N, C-alpha and C. Protein backbone atom coordinates (compact mmCIF):
# COMPACT_ATOMS: atom_id res chain seq x y z
N MET A 1 -37.73 92.02 4.36
CA MET A 1 -36.30 92.35 4.53
C MET A 1 -35.69 91.36 5.52
N ALA A 2 -34.54 90.84 5.14
CA ALA A 2 -33.87 89.86 6.00
C ALA A 2 -33.36 90.51 7.24
N ASP A 3 -33.55 89.83 8.36
CA ASP A 3 -33.07 90.36 9.64
C ASP A 3 -31.99 89.52 10.25
N LYS A 4 -31.42 88.54 9.44
CA LYS A 4 -30.34 87.68 9.94
C LYS A 4 -29.02 88.17 9.42
N ARG A 5 -28.01 88.21 10.26
CA ARG A 5 -26.70 88.70 9.88
C ARG A 5 -25.68 87.58 10.11
N CYS A 6 -24.68 87.62 9.22
CA CYS A 6 -23.56 86.69 9.41
C CYS A 6 -22.57 87.26 10.39
N THR A 7 -21.51 86.53 10.61
CA THR A 7 -20.49 86.98 11.57
C THR A 7 -19.80 88.24 11.12
N ASN A 8 -19.86 88.54 9.79
CA ASN A 8 -19.21 89.76 9.26
C ASN A 8 -20.18 90.91 9.11
N GLY A 9 -21.49 90.76 9.56
CA GLY A 9 -22.46 91.85 9.55
C GLY A 9 -23.28 91.95 8.30
N HIS A 10 -23.21 90.92 7.38
CA HIS A 10 -24.04 90.95 6.18
C HIS A 10 -25.42 90.42 6.50
N PHE A 11 -26.49 91.12 5.90
CA PHE A 11 -27.85 90.66 6.04
C PHE A 11 -28.08 89.51 5.07
N ILE A 12 -28.57 88.36 5.62
CA ILE A 12 -28.84 87.19 4.79
C ILE A 12 -30.18 86.62 5.17
N ASP A 13 -30.75 85.76 4.33
CA ASP A 13 -32.03 85.11 4.59
C ASP A 13 -31.86 84.17 5.76
N GLU A 14 -32.97 84.04 6.51
CA GLU A 14 -32.92 83.21 7.70
C GLU A 14 -32.65 81.73 7.37
N SER A 15 -33.05 81.28 6.16
CA SER A 15 -32.86 79.87 5.82
C SER A 15 -31.43 79.57 5.39
N TRP A 16 -30.58 80.60 5.25
CA TRP A 16 -29.20 80.36 4.80
C TRP A 16 -28.30 80.13 6.00
N ASP A 17 -27.45 79.14 5.83
CA ASP A 17 -26.45 78.89 6.88
C ASP A 17 -25.11 79.50 6.54
N ILE A 18 -24.85 79.72 5.25
CA ILE A 18 -23.57 80.26 4.80
C ILE A 18 -23.83 81.58 4.12
N CYS A 19 -23.06 82.58 4.49
CA CYS A 19 -23.21 83.93 3.88
C CYS A 19 -22.57 83.92 2.51
N PRO A 20 -23.40 84.37 1.49
CA PRO A 20 -22.81 84.37 0.14
C PRO A 20 -21.87 85.53 -0.11
N TYR A 21 -21.83 86.48 0.85
CA TYR A 21 -21.00 87.66 0.64
C TYR A 21 -19.61 87.53 1.27
N CYS A 22 -19.52 86.57 2.18
CA CYS A 22 -18.21 86.39 2.85
C CYS A 22 -17.30 85.54 1.95
N PRO A 23 -16.01 85.85 1.95
CA PRO A 23 -15.07 85.02 1.15
C PRO A 23 -14.97 83.60 1.72
N VAL A 24 -14.82 82.68 0.81
CA VAL A 24 -14.73 81.27 1.22
C VAL A 24 -13.35 81.01 1.82
N GLU A 25 -13.31 80.46 3.04
CA GLU A 25 -12.04 80.14 3.69
C GLU A 25 -11.55 78.77 3.22
N SER A 26 -10.25 78.69 2.96
CA SER A 26 -9.65 77.42 2.53
C SER A 26 -9.59 76.46 3.70
N ALA A 27 -9.94 75.21 3.42
CA ALA A 27 -9.94 74.21 4.50
C ALA A 27 -8.54 73.85 4.93
N GLU A 28 -7.61 73.94 4.02
CA GLU A 28 -6.23 73.60 4.35
C GLU A 28 -5.37 74.82 4.33
N GLN A 29 -4.49 74.95 5.25
CA GLN A 29 -3.58 76.07 5.34
C GLN A 29 -2.44 75.85 4.37
N GLU A 30 -2.17 76.92 3.61
CA GLU A 30 -1.07 76.81 2.65
C GLU A 30 0.24 76.64 3.36
N ILE A 31 1.07 75.76 2.81
CA ILE A 31 2.39 75.48 3.41
C ILE A 31 3.40 76.36 2.71
N PRO A 32 4.02 77.26 3.43
CA PRO A 32 5.00 78.15 2.78
C PRO A 32 6.21 77.35 2.31
N ILE A 33 6.72 77.73 1.15
CA ILE A 33 7.91 77.09 0.58
C ILE A 33 9.10 77.96 0.91
N VAL A 34 10.04 77.42 1.62
CA VAL A 34 11.24 78.15 2.03
C VAL A 34 12.43 77.44 1.43
N ARG A 35 13.25 78.10 0.69
CA ARG A 35 14.43 77.53 0.07
C ARG A 35 15.64 77.91 0.91
N PRO A 36 16.50 76.96 1.27
CA PRO A 36 17.71 77.30 2.06
C PRO A 36 18.66 78.13 1.22
N THR A 37 19.37 79.02 1.94
CA THR A 37 20.29 79.93 1.26
C THR A 37 21.65 79.33 1.07
N ARG A 38 22.06 78.26 1.85
CA ARG A 38 23.35 77.62 1.67
C ARG A 38 23.24 76.14 1.98
N ALA A 39 24.19 75.40 1.48
CA ALA A 39 24.19 73.94 1.63
C ALA A 39 24.32 73.55 3.08
N GLY A 40 23.58 72.52 3.44
CA GLY A 40 23.66 72.01 4.81
C GLY A 40 22.67 72.65 5.73
N ALA A 41 21.92 73.75 5.28
CA ALA A 41 20.97 74.43 6.16
C ALA A 41 19.63 73.74 6.06
N VAL A 42 18.95 73.65 7.18
CA VAL A 42 17.63 73.04 7.26
C VAL A 42 16.66 74.08 7.78
N VAL A 43 15.56 74.33 7.07
CA VAL A 43 14.57 75.33 7.46
C VAL A 43 13.30 74.61 7.83
N ILE A 44 12.78 74.92 9.01
CA ILE A 44 11.53 74.34 9.48
C ILE A 44 10.46 75.37 9.29
N PRO A 45 9.46 75.16 8.42
CA PRO A 45 8.42 76.16 8.17
C PRO A 45 7.61 76.42 9.42
N GLY A 46 7.23 77.71 9.62
CA GLY A 46 6.38 78.11 10.74
C GLY A 46 7.08 78.20 12.05
N VAL A 47 8.33 77.77 12.13
CA VAL A 47 9.05 77.84 13.41
C VAL A 47 10.07 78.95 13.38
N SER A 48 10.85 78.98 12.36
CA SER A 48 11.87 80.02 12.27
C SER A 48 12.19 80.23 10.81
N GLU A 49 12.26 81.46 10.42
CA GLU A 49 12.61 81.79 9.05
C GLU A 49 14.10 81.68 8.81
N GLU A 50 14.89 81.64 9.88
CA GLU A 50 16.32 81.52 9.73
C GLU A 50 16.67 80.05 9.55
N PRO A 51 17.53 79.75 8.59
CA PRO A 51 17.93 78.35 8.40
C PRO A 51 18.72 77.83 9.59
N VAL A 52 18.43 76.55 9.91
CA VAL A 52 19.14 75.89 11.01
C VAL A 52 20.25 75.04 10.40
N VAL A 53 21.44 75.32 10.78
CA VAL A 53 22.60 74.59 10.26
C VAL A 53 23.01 73.54 11.27
N ARG A 54 23.00 72.29 10.79
CA ARG A 54 23.40 71.18 11.66
C ARG A 54 24.82 70.77 11.29
N PRO A 55 25.66 70.62 12.28
CA PRO A 55 27.06 70.26 11.97
C PRO A 55 27.13 68.85 11.40
N ARG A 56 28.07 68.64 10.49
CA ARG A 56 28.30 67.33 9.87
C ARG A 56 29.09 66.46 10.84
N VAL A 57 28.53 65.31 11.05
CA VAL A 57 29.17 64.36 11.98
C VAL A 57 29.99 63.37 11.17
N GLU A 58 31.26 63.33 11.44
CA GLU A 58 32.15 62.40 10.73
C GLU A 58 32.17 61.05 11.43
N ALA A 59 32.26 59.97 10.61
CA ALA A 59 32.33 58.62 11.17
C ALA A 59 33.66 58.42 11.89
N PRO A 60 33.62 57.72 13.01
CA PRO A 60 34.88 57.51 13.74
C PRO A 60 35.84 56.66 12.93
N LYS A 61 37.08 57.00 12.98
CA LYS A 61 38.12 56.26 12.25
C LYS A 61 38.37 54.90 12.91
N ALA A 62 38.53 53.91 12.06
CA ALA A 62 38.79 52.56 12.59
C ALA A 62 40.17 52.49 13.22
N ALA A 63 40.22 51.76 14.30
CA ALA A 63 41.50 51.60 14.98
C ALA A 63 42.47 50.82 14.10
N PRO A 64 43.70 51.18 14.07
CA PRO A 64 44.67 50.48 13.22
C PRO A 64 44.82 49.02 13.66
N THR A 65 44.91 48.15 12.65
CA THR A 65 45.06 46.71 12.92
C THR A 65 46.46 46.44 13.48
N PRO A 66 46.50 45.77 14.63
CA PRO A 66 47.85 45.51 15.20
C PRO A 66 48.63 44.56 14.31
N THR A 67 49.88 44.82 14.18
CA THR A 67 50.76 43.99 13.37
C THR A 67 51.20 42.76 14.17
N VAL A 68 50.92 41.56 13.60
CA VAL A 68 51.28 40.31 14.27
C VAL A 68 52.55 39.76 13.64
N ALA A 69 53.50 39.48 14.46
CA ALA A 69 54.76 38.93 13.95
C ALA A 69 54.53 37.53 13.41
N PRO A 70 55.06 37.19 12.25
CA PRO A 70 54.86 35.84 11.68
C PRO A 70 55.46 34.76 12.57
N GLN A 71 54.67 33.67 12.74
CA GLN A 71 55.13 32.56 13.55
C GLN A 71 56.01 31.61 12.71
N PRO A 72 57.01 31.06 13.30
CA PRO A 72 57.85 30.13 12.53
C PRO A 72 57.06 28.88 12.15
N ALA A 73 57.27 28.38 10.92
CA ALA A 73 56.54 27.21 10.42
C ALA A 73 56.93 25.97 11.22
N LYS A 74 55.87 25.18 11.57
CA LYS A 74 56.13 23.96 12.32
C LYS A 74 56.67 22.88 11.39
N PRO A 75 57.59 22.11 11.84
CA PRO A 75 58.12 21.03 10.97
C PRO A 75 57.05 20.00 10.67
N VAL A 76 57.04 19.51 9.42
CA VAL A 76 56.07 18.52 9.00
C VAL A 76 56.47 17.15 9.56
N GLN A 77 55.52 16.54 10.28
CA GLN A 77 55.80 15.24 10.89
C GLN A 77 55.39 14.13 9.93
N MET A 78 56.25 13.19 9.73
CA MET A 78 55.98 12.05 8.87
C MET A 78 55.01 11.10 9.58
N PRO A 79 54.09 10.46 8.83
CA PRO A 79 53.18 9.50 9.47
C PRO A 79 53.94 8.33 10.06
N PRO A 80 53.42 7.80 11.16
CA PRO A 80 54.12 6.67 11.80
C PRO A 80 54.21 5.48 10.85
N MET A 81 55.35 4.88 10.83
CA MET A 81 55.58 3.73 9.95
C MET A 81 54.92 2.49 10.55
N GLU A 82 54.32 1.69 9.65
CA GLU A 82 53.67 0.47 10.10
C GLU A 82 54.73 -0.58 10.45
N ARG A 83 54.44 -1.27 11.54
CA ARG A 83 55.37 -2.30 11.99
C ARG A 83 55.02 -3.62 11.33
N THR A 84 56.03 -4.31 10.92
CA THR A 84 55.84 -5.63 10.33
C THR A 84 55.89 -6.67 11.43
N VAL A 85 54.80 -7.42 11.53
CA VAL A 85 54.69 -8.44 12.57
C VAL A 85 54.92 -9.80 11.94
N ALA A 86 55.86 -10.52 12.47
CA ALA A 86 56.15 -11.85 11.94
C ALA A 86 55.05 -12.82 12.34
N VAL A 87 54.63 -13.63 11.41
CA VAL A 87 53.58 -14.61 11.65
C VAL A 87 54.23 -15.96 11.91
N GLN A 88 53.91 -16.51 13.06
CA GLN A 88 54.45 -17.82 13.39
C GLN A 88 53.77 -18.89 12.55
N LYS A 89 54.47 -19.94 12.28
CA LYS A 89 53.92 -21.02 11.49
C LYS A 89 52.69 -21.64 12.15
N SER A 90 52.64 -21.61 13.48
CA SER A 90 51.50 -22.20 14.17
C SER A 90 50.23 -21.40 13.95
N ASP A 91 50.37 -20.07 13.60
CA ASP A 91 49.20 -19.23 13.38
C ASP A 91 48.61 -19.44 11.99
N MET A 92 49.34 -20.00 11.06
CA MET A 92 48.86 -20.19 9.70
C MET A 92 47.94 -21.39 9.64
N PRO A 93 46.85 -21.28 8.81
CA PRO A 93 45.93 -22.42 8.72
C PRO A 93 46.62 -23.65 8.16
N SER A 94 46.36 -24.78 8.80
CA SER A 94 47.00 -26.02 8.37
C SER A 94 46.30 -26.57 7.14
N VAL A 95 47.07 -26.97 6.15
CA VAL A 95 46.55 -27.57 4.93
C VAL A 95 47.09 -28.99 4.84
N ALA A 96 46.17 -29.92 4.63
CA ALA A 96 46.58 -31.33 4.55
C ALA A 96 47.52 -31.54 3.37
N LYS A 97 48.65 -32.09 3.63
CA LYS A 97 49.62 -32.34 2.59
C LYS A 97 49.22 -33.55 1.77
N ARG A 98 49.37 -33.42 0.46
CA ARG A 98 49.00 -34.52 -0.42
C ARG A 98 50.26 -35.36 -0.69
N TYR A 99 50.39 -36.43 0.07
CA TYR A 99 51.55 -37.31 -0.09
C TYR A 99 51.43 -38.12 -1.37
N VAL A 100 52.57 -38.52 -1.92
CA VAL A 100 52.61 -39.39 -3.09
C VAL A 100 52.20 -40.80 -2.67
N VAL A 101 51.25 -41.36 -3.42
CA VAL A 101 50.77 -42.70 -3.09
C VAL A 101 50.99 -43.69 -4.23
N GLY A 102 51.56 -43.23 -5.36
CA GLY A 102 51.81 -44.13 -6.49
C GLY A 102 52.31 -43.33 -7.68
N TRP A 103 52.48 -44.03 -8.83
CA TRP A 103 52.99 -43.37 -10.02
C TRP A 103 52.33 -43.95 -11.28
N LEU A 104 52.33 -43.12 -12.33
CA LEU A 104 52.06 -43.60 -13.68
C LEU A 104 53.36 -43.47 -14.46
N ILE A 105 53.78 -44.52 -15.14
CA ILE A 105 55.04 -44.52 -15.90
C ILE A 105 54.68 -44.57 -17.39
N GLY A 106 55.20 -43.60 -18.15
CA GLY A 106 54.94 -43.57 -19.58
C GLY A 106 55.61 -44.74 -20.30
N LEU A 107 54.87 -45.32 -21.31
CA LEU A 107 55.38 -46.50 -22.00
C LEU A 107 55.69 -46.25 -23.48
N ASN A 108 55.24 -45.14 -24.06
CA ASN A 108 55.47 -44.95 -25.49
C ASN A 108 55.62 -43.46 -25.81
N GLY A 109 56.11 -43.22 -27.02
CA GLY A 109 56.23 -41.86 -27.52
C GLY A 109 57.14 -40.99 -26.67
N SER A 110 56.77 -39.70 -26.59
CA SER A 110 57.60 -38.74 -25.86
C SER A 110 57.54 -38.93 -24.36
N ILE A 111 56.57 -39.71 -23.84
CA ILE A 111 56.44 -39.89 -22.39
C ILE A 111 57.11 -41.18 -21.91
N ARG A 112 57.72 -41.92 -22.81
CA ARG A 112 58.32 -43.20 -22.43
C ARG A 112 59.41 -43.00 -21.38
N GLY A 113 59.29 -43.73 -20.28
CA GLY A 113 60.27 -43.66 -19.19
C GLY A 113 60.03 -42.52 -18.22
N GLU A 114 59.02 -41.67 -18.48
CA GLU A 114 58.71 -40.55 -17.56
C GLU A 114 57.75 -41.04 -16.48
N SER A 115 57.97 -40.53 -15.27
CA SER A 115 57.10 -40.90 -14.15
C SER A 115 56.23 -39.70 -13.75
N TYR A 116 54.98 -39.98 -13.38
CA TYR A 116 54.02 -38.95 -12.98
C TYR A 116 53.44 -39.35 -11.64
N PRO A 117 53.68 -38.55 -10.60
CA PRO A 117 53.22 -38.94 -9.25
C PRO A 117 51.70 -38.89 -9.12
N ILE A 118 51.17 -39.86 -8.40
CA ILE A 118 49.77 -39.88 -8.01
C ILE A 118 49.72 -39.50 -6.54
N ARG A 119 48.94 -38.49 -6.21
CA ARG A 119 48.90 -37.99 -4.84
C ARG A 119 47.58 -38.36 -4.17
N MET A 120 47.58 -38.23 -2.86
CA MET A 120 46.40 -38.56 -2.07
C MET A 120 45.23 -37.67 -2.49
N GLY A 121 44.05 -38.25 -2.61
CA GLY A 121 42.88 -37.52 -3.04
C GLY A 121 42.63 -37.67 -4.52
N ARG A 122 42.13 -36.63 -5.17
CA ARG A 122 41.79 -36.70 -6.58
C ARG A 122 42.93 -36.17 -7.43
N ASN A 123 43.22 -36.86 -8.52
CA ASN A 123 44.22 -36.45 -9.50
C ASN A 123 43.53 -36.32 -10.86
N VAL A 124 43.63 -35.14 -11.46
CA VAL A 124 42.98 -34.88 -12.75
C VAL A 124 43.95 -35.22 -13.87
N LEU A 125 43.47 -35.98 -14.87
CA LEU A 125 44.24 -36.31 -16.07
C LEU A 125 43.56 -35.66 -17.26
N GLY A 126 44.32 -34.95 -18.08
CA GLY A 126 43.73 -34.30 -19.25
C GLY A 126 44.71 -33.42 -19.97
N ARG A 127 44.21 -32.79 -21.04
CA ARG A 127 45.05 -31.94 -21.87
C ARG A 127 45.28 -30.56 -21.27
N ASP A 128 44.45 -30.17 -20.33
CA ASP A 128 44.60 -28.86 -19.69
C ASP A 128 45.93 -28.79 -18.94
N ARG A 129 46.63 -27.65 -19.09
CA ARG A 129 47.93 -27.49 -18.42
C ARG A 129 47.82 -27.45 -16.91
N ALA A 130 46.61 -27.17 -16.40
CA ALA A 130 46.42 -27.12 -14.94
C ALA A 130 46.14 -28.50 -14.36
N SER A 131 46.12 -29.54 -15.18
CA SER A 131 45.84 -30.89 -14.69
C SER A 131 46.99 -31.40 -13.82
N ASP A 132 46.67 -32.33 -12.93
CA ASP A 132 47.73 -32.95 -12.11
C ASP A 132 48.66 -33.78 -12.98
N ILE A 133 48.10 -34.49 -13.94
CA ILE A 133 48.89 -35.25 -14.90
C ILE A 133 48.46 -34.81 -16.30
N VAL A 134 49.33 -34.06 -16.98
CA VAL A 134 49.01 -33.50 -18.29
C VAL A 134 49.22 -34.57 -19.35
N VAL A 135 48.17 -34.81 -20.16
CA VAL A 135 48.23 -35.76 -21.26
C VAL A 135 48.20 -34.96 -22.56
N ASN A 136 49.37 -34.75 -23.14
CA ASN A 136 49.49 -33.90 -24.33
C ASN A 136 49.18 -34.74 -25.57
N ASP A 137 47.88 -34.98 -25.79
CA ASP A 137 47.44 -35.81 -26.91
C ASP A 137 46.18 -35.18 -27.49
N ASP A 138 46.10 -35.12 -28.83
CA ASP A 138 44.94 -34.50 -29.48
C ASP A 138 43.65 -35.27 -29.21
N GLN A 139 43.75 -36.56 -28.92
CA GLN A 139 42.57 -37.37 -28.65
C GLN A 139 42.13 -37.32 -27.18
N ALA A 140 42.90 -36.61 -26.37
CA ALA A 140 42.56 -36.46 -24.95
C ALA A 140 41.68 -35.24 -24.77
N SER A 141 40.73 -35.32 -23.87
CA SER A 141 39.87 -34.18 -23.54
C SER A 141 40.58 -33.26 -22.56
N THR A 142 40.06 -32.03 -22.43
CA THR A 142 40.67 -31.08 -21.49
C THR A 142 40.69 -31.64 -20.08
N HIS A 143 39.56 -32.16 -19.63
CA HIS A 143 39.48 -32.89 -18.36
C HIS A 143 39.00 -34.29 -18.73
N HIS A 144 39.96 -35.19 -18.90
CA HIS A 144 39.66 -36.49 -19.48
C HIS A 144 39.20 -37.51 -18.43
N ALA A 145 39.94 -37.62 -17.34
CA ALA A 145 39.64 -38.64 -16.33
C ALA A 145 40.14 -38.20 -14.96
N ASP A 146 39.65 -38.89 -13.91
CA ASP A 146 40.10 -38.67 -12.53
C ASP A 146 40.64 -39.98 -11.98
N LEU A 147 41.76 -39.86 -11.28
CA LEU A 147 42.33 -41.03 -10.61
C LEU A 147 42.28 -40.74 -9.11
N MET A 148 41.44 -41.49 -8.39
CA MET A 148 41.21 -41.25 -6.97
C MET A 148 41.94 -42.28 -6.12
N PHE A 149 42.46 -41.81 -4.96
CA PHE A 149 43.00 -42.72 -3.96
C PHE A 149 42.24 -42.50 -2.67
N ARG A 150 41.64 -43.58 -2.16
CA ARG A 150 40.90 -43.53 -0.90
C ARG A 150 41.74 -44.18 0.18
N PRO A 151 42.35 -43.39 1.09
CA PRO A 151 43.27 -43.97 2.07
C PRO A 151 42.58 -44.90 3.06
N GLU A 152 41.31 -44.61 3.38
CA GLU A 152 40.64 -45.46 4.36
C GLU A 152 40.36 -46.86 3.80
N GLU A 153 40.31 -46.98 2.45
CA GLU A 153 40.05 -48.28 1.84
C GLU A 153 41.26 -48.83 1.09
N ARG A 154 42.31 -48.00 0.95
CA ARG A 154 43.51 -48.36 0.19
C ARG A 154 43.13 -48.72 -1.25
N ARG A 155 42.26 -47.93 -1.83
CA ARG A 155 41.77 -48.20 -3.18
C ARG A 155 42.18 -47.10 -4.14
N PHE A 156 42.58 -47.52 -5.36
CA PHE A 156 42.83 -46.60 -6.46
C PHE A 156 41.70 -46.80 -7.48
N ILE A 157 40.98 -45.71 -7.80
CA ILE A 157 39.83 -45.80 -8.69
C ILE A 157 40.05 -44.83 -9.85
N LEU A 158 39.95 -45.35 -11.08
CA LEU A 158 40.07 -44.54 -12.28
C LEU A 158 38.65 -44.29 -12.82
N MET A 159 38.29 -43.00 -13.03
CA MET A 159 36.95 -42.63 -13.49
C MET A 159 37.05 -41.78 -14.75
N ASP A 160 36.32 -42.18 -15.79
CA ASP A 160 36.25 -41.38 -17.01
C ASP A 160 35.36 -40.17 -16.76
N HIS A 161 35.81 -38.98 -17.26
CA HIS A 161 35.09 -37.73 -17.01
C HIS A 161 34.29 -37.35 -18.26
N ASN A 162 33.46 -38.30 -18.73
CA ASN A 162 32.62 -38.08 -19.91
C ASN A 162 33.45 -37.59 -21.09
N SER A 163 34.59 -38.26 -21.31
CA SER A 163 35.49 -37.84 -22.39
C SER A 163 34.93 -38.26 -23.75
N THR A 164 35.48 -37.65 -24.80
CA THR A 164 35.01 -37.93 -26.16
C THR A 164 35.47 -39.31 -26.64
N ASN A 165 36.73 -39.66 -26.39
CA ASN A 165 37.30 -40.90 -26.93
C ASN A 165 37.43 -42.02 -25.90
N GLY A 166 37.00 -41.79 -24.67
CA GLY A 166 36.99 -42.84 -23.67
C GLY A 166 38.33 -43.06 -22.99
N THR A 167 38.30 -43.83 -21.90
CA THR A 167 39.48 -44.18 -21.12
C THR A 167 39.55 -45.71 -21.04
N TYR A 168 40.75 -46.26 -21.25
CA TYR A 168 40.91 -47.71 -21.34
C TYR A 168 41.88 -48.21 -20.28
N VAL A 169 41.57 -49.40 -19.75
CA VAL A 169 42.46 -50.13 -18.84
C VAL A 169 42.63 -51.53 -19.40
N ASN A 170 43.89 -51.85 -19.70
CA ASN A 170 44.21 -53.15 -20.33
C ASN A 170 43.37 -53.34 -21.60
N GLU A 171 43.23 -52.25 -22.36
CA GLU A 171 42.53 -52.19 -23.64
C GLU A 171 41.03 -52.44 -23.52
N SER A 172 40.47 -52.29 -22.35
CA SER A 172 39.03 -52.37 -22.15
C SER A 172 38.53 -51.00 -21.66
N GLU A 173 37.51 -50.49 -22.33
CA GLU A 173 36.99 -49.17 -21.94
C GLU A 173 36.26 -49.27 -20.61
N ILE A 174 36.55 -48.34 -19.73
CA ILE A 174 35.89 -48.33 -18.42
C ILE A 174 34.55 -47.59 -18.55
N GLU A 175 33.51 -48.06 -17.88
CA GLU A 175 32.18 -47.46 -17.95
C GLU A 175 31.54 -47.44 -16.57
N PRO A 176 31.60 -46.34 -15.85
CA PRO A 176 32.51 -45.21 -16.12
C PRO A 176 33.75 -45.26 -15.25
N ARG A 177 33.86 -46.30 -14.37
CA ARG A 177 35.00 -46.37 -13.43
C ARG A 177 35.50 -47.80 -13.29
N ARG A 178 36.71 -47.85 -12.67
CA ARG A 178 37.30 -49.19 -12.45
C ARG A 178 38.40 -49.07 -11.40
N ASP A 179 38.45 -50.09 -10.53
CA ASP A 179 39.55 -50.15 -9.55
C ASP A 179 40.82 -50.59 -10.27
N LEU A 180 41.95 -49.98 -9.85
CA LEU A 180 43.23 -50.31 -10.47
C LEU A 180 44.02 -51.28 -9.60
N SER A 181 44.77 -52.11 -10.29
CA SER A 181 45.69 -53.03 -9.62
C SER A 181 47.10 -52.76 -10.14
N ILE A 182 48.10 -53.28 -9.43
CA ILE A 182 49.48 -53.05 -9.82
C ILE A 182 49.73 -53.53 -11.25
N LYS A 183 50.44 -52.73 -12.02
CA LYS A 183 50.87 -52.96 -13.39
C LYS A 183 49.72 -52.97 -14.42
N ASP A 184 48.57 -52.37 -14.03
CA ASP A 184 47.53 -52.17 -15.03
C ASP A 184 48.02 -51.15 -16.07
N ILE A 185 47.59 -51.35 -17.34
CA ILE A 185 47.99 -50.44 -18.42
C ILE A 185 46.81 -49.50 -18.70
N ILE A 186 47.06 -48.21 -18.55
CA ILE A 186 46.04 -47.18 -18.80
C ILE A 186 46.34 -46.52 -20.14
N ARG A 187 45.29 -46.37 -20.97
CA ARG A 187 45.48 -45.69 -22.25
C ARG A 187 44.50 -44.55 -22.39
N ILE A 188 45.06 -43.38 -22.70
CA ILE A 188 44.26 -42.18 -22.99
C ILE A 188 44.75 -41.66 -24.33
N GLY A 189 43.86 -41.71 -25.36
CA GLY A 189 44.31 -41.37 -26.70
C GLY A 189 45.32 -42.40 -27.16
N SER A 190 46.50 -41.92 -27.57
CA SER A 190 47.58 -42.83 -27.97
C SER A 190 48.62 -43.00 -26.86
N HIS A 191 48.41 -42.32 -25.72
CA HIS A 191 49.37 -42.41 -24.61
C HIS A 191 49.03 -43.59 -23.71
N ARG A 192 50.06 -44.36 -23.37
CA ARG A 192 49.91 -45.53 -22.53
C ARG A 192 50.80 -45.39 -21.29
N PHE A 193 50.20 -45.74 -20.13
CA PHE A 193 50.90 -45.65 -18.84
C PHE A 193 50.75 -46.99 -18.12
N VAL A 194 51.75 -47.33 -17.31
CA VAL A 194 51.64 -48.47 -16.42
C VAL A 194 51.46 -47.93 -15.00
N PHE A 195 50.55 -48.52 -14.26
CA PHE A 195 50.22 -48.07 -12.91
C PHE A 195 51.06 -48.81 -11.89
N MET A 196 51.75 -48.04 -11.02
CA MET A 196 52.59 -48.61 -9.96
C MET A 196 52.20 -47.95 -8.63
N PRO A 197 51.48 -48.68 -7.75
CA PRO A 197 51.07 -48.09 -6.46
C PRO A 197 52.20 -48.10 -5.44
N LEU A 198 52.17 -47.15 -4.55
CA LEU A 198 53.07 -47.13 -3.40
C LEU A 198 52.34 -47.63 -2.16
N CYS A 199 51.16 -47.11 -1.94
CA CYS A 199 50.37 -47.51 -0.78
C CYS A 199 49.45 -48.67 -1.15
N HIS A 200 49.41 -49.68 -0.29
CA HIS A 200 48.55 -50.84 -0.49
C HIS A 200 48.30 -51.46 0.88
N ASP A 201 47.78 -52.64 0.92
CA ASP A 201 47.49 -53.27 2.21
C ASP A 201 48.75 -53.40 3.05
N GLY A 202 48.69 -52.82 4.24
CA GLY A 202 49.82 -52.91 5.17
C GLY A 202 50.93 -51.92 4.88
N PHE A 203 50.74 -51.01 3.91
CA PHE A 203 51.79 -50.03 3.61
C PHE A 203 51.09 -48.72 3.21
N PHE A 204 51.17 -47.71 4.13
CA PHE A 204 50.39 -46.48 3.93
C PHE A 204 50.97 -45.35 4.77
N TRP A 205 50.52 -44.14 4.47
CA TRP A 205 50.88 -42.97 5.27
C TRP A 205 49.90 -42.87 6.45
N ASP A 206 50.46 -42.68 7.66
CA ASP A 206 49.56 -42.53 8.80
C ASP A 206 49.19 -41.05 8.99
N ASP A 207 48.42 -40.78 10.05
CA ASP A 207 47.95 -39.40 10.28
C ASP A 207 49.08 -38.43 10.59
N GLU A 208 50.22 -38.92 11.05
CA GLU A 208 51.36 -38.07 11.38
C GLU A 208 52.33 -37.95 10.23
N GLY A 209 51.96 -38.49 9.07
CA GLY A 209 52.82 -38.38 7.88
C GLY A 209 53.94 -39.39 7.85
N LEU A 210 53.77 -40.48 8.55
CA LEU A 210 54.80 -41.53 8.56
C LEU A 210 54.35 -42.67 7.67
N LEU A 211 55.27 -43.22 6.90
CA LEU A 211 54.97 -44.35 6.02
C LEU A 211 55.07 -45.64 6.80
N ARG A 212 53.97 -46.35 6.92
CA ARG A 212 53.93 -47.59 7.72
C ARG A 212 54.00 -48.81 6.84
């Protein structure tokens, strides 16, 4: 006969730790479900069966925006006008003036009696309208020849610019250049000119632009 008793007085075998006659206790305590009776009530289980009503807190009203009186519009200012500064002639870069040093005088056709100035430095002869001396002839090249004046040597030099039909002086073709003398006859195509120099030995433009 068992002589061991549980906490409730039941006789059990000595090797048993748990009484089979006692009801099994739940490990977790049941949480009572309490439903509030009106909106806004909060019930805390195990503390009070009466619902706790918490007052509704309203958000503070925003302060009214102060009314700002409109400011008068500022007048629109025009940008400052740029000043025009006069440039003195002394401030402008000096360009050497090309003085006239001789002429070509037309001898036939539409150029007869017409004069064409020869200026200091290089003078381009050809059919191109931008030439110094325009030769309006179908046998003339666009850039047919150059007529140079060298003031330090007082020399006039006629140079053919690799033209198709050649350049002639006194009916002799130049190859490729020739010095000119007074009253030489130059022929380009069918156009003929007589050469008349202004500057020669003892007669020239000096550095100050005076004819000596």
